[in-house]
Amino acid sequence: MNAPDIIVVGAGIVGAACALELARGGARVSVYDRGIVAGGASAAGMGHVCVMDDSEAQFQLTRYSLELWAEMSPEMPAAAEHVYCGTLWVAADEEEMAEARRKAEFYLPRGTPAELLDEKQLAAAEPNLRKGLAGGLLLPADSVLYQPAVAWWMLNEAKKLGATVHVNQPVESIEDDGLHMGDGTVVAAGRVVNAAGAWAARLTRNTPVKPKKGHLMITERAAEFVRHEVIELGYIKSAHSGATEAVAFNVAPRPAGQVLIGSCRQLGVWDAAIDRKILNKMLRRAIEYMPGLAGLRGIRSWTGFRAATEDSLPLIGPCEGYERVWLATGHEGLGITTATGTAKVLAAQMLGRECGIPVAPYLPSRRVAGHG
């Protein structure tokens, strides 16, 4: 059998989206994963699909990805649970309300729907929020989905185009001659894409990503307890601060009526065990904003690892120091959001296809010089 044109390492939602886009572009694709489909960060995340504005490059990729998700949504199965609940950014005080206004002033001229809410409008939108909050910003085009089902669907669509998927296949390293496996064999390929998320730096050199561990908890069913993906505006400061540990209020509704509670970040931590101290800190923060959460029973908690870069932009393009190895990693908390856009940016480079945004801001070469 001939070697595939492209092997994608990583069967999470980013790898699955890349495999589907490359297969649709005519490439013979194989996907390899050390575990199961969507068994890593893709299974651990909140499923949030959102536009962000921390930088112009981040905005371009997230907005482009939202457009692509909207195009793809009618094709996806019911199990994808793609719901346009919107994102509600909550301002605790006037300083954070000023940030809400700044975000609205950024989004609206760029054609992104955004609605400022005062205190009363916020209370009407989310009755279980505590009283006295200053207001908020509603982004109605944002959505949530069930990412494991979407990854499965993407890979099944790729298989219809001839792709093959190989799970429970431990890859030790990626080289120009192919995948070096745990049993000592080498799987040859024309080119290889490292889409292994937080594990990417273990497979290829010059891959400046670090793990950011996070915890989530899901509650028992509580119909209409929360209507939107709700996030405190302080989340932005906590997510991108230099602190090695941070928590912020973030909840989301699930179609069955459960509430998904986040969010916390621990930089450089690889231990998958539940850290009760930071989990409790995260839950206390959530209860500060939604006191009624204290009356709900948490039925499961878990951890996951985001692949973080220093500038909070993913690495999409040729891996420095290799001739036939490419990267699609470093998405941190936006892998689910930007999976569709990442696939387009990667395919534009690998297959010479058109892309709706410039690819330069995401090239790995911009970062290698500063990699220690």
Foldseek 3Di string as FASTA:
>chain_A
DDAWQEEEEALFLLSLLLLLLVLVLPGAYEYEYQADHNPAVLQAFFQKADADPPDPVSNVLSVQLLVVCVVCVVVADVQFVKFQLWEKAFAQDPVLLVVQVVVCVVQVVVPFDKDWFAQVRQCVQQVLFDHRTGTTMTRRSIIGTNRSSVSVVSNVSSVVSPYYYHYSWAFQAAAQQATQTPVRDGRGHSFYEHAHFQCSCRHDPLAAWWWKKWKKWKFDADAPNHRHFYWYSCVVCQVQPPDQKGWTWTWGADPRRMIMTDTMIGTRDDDFDDDVVNVVVNVVRNCNGRVCVVVIGTDDMGMHIGTAHNVQAAAFADRPPHDRYTYGYHNGNCCSNSSNLSSQLNCCHPVVDDHPDDNVVRHSVVPSVPRD
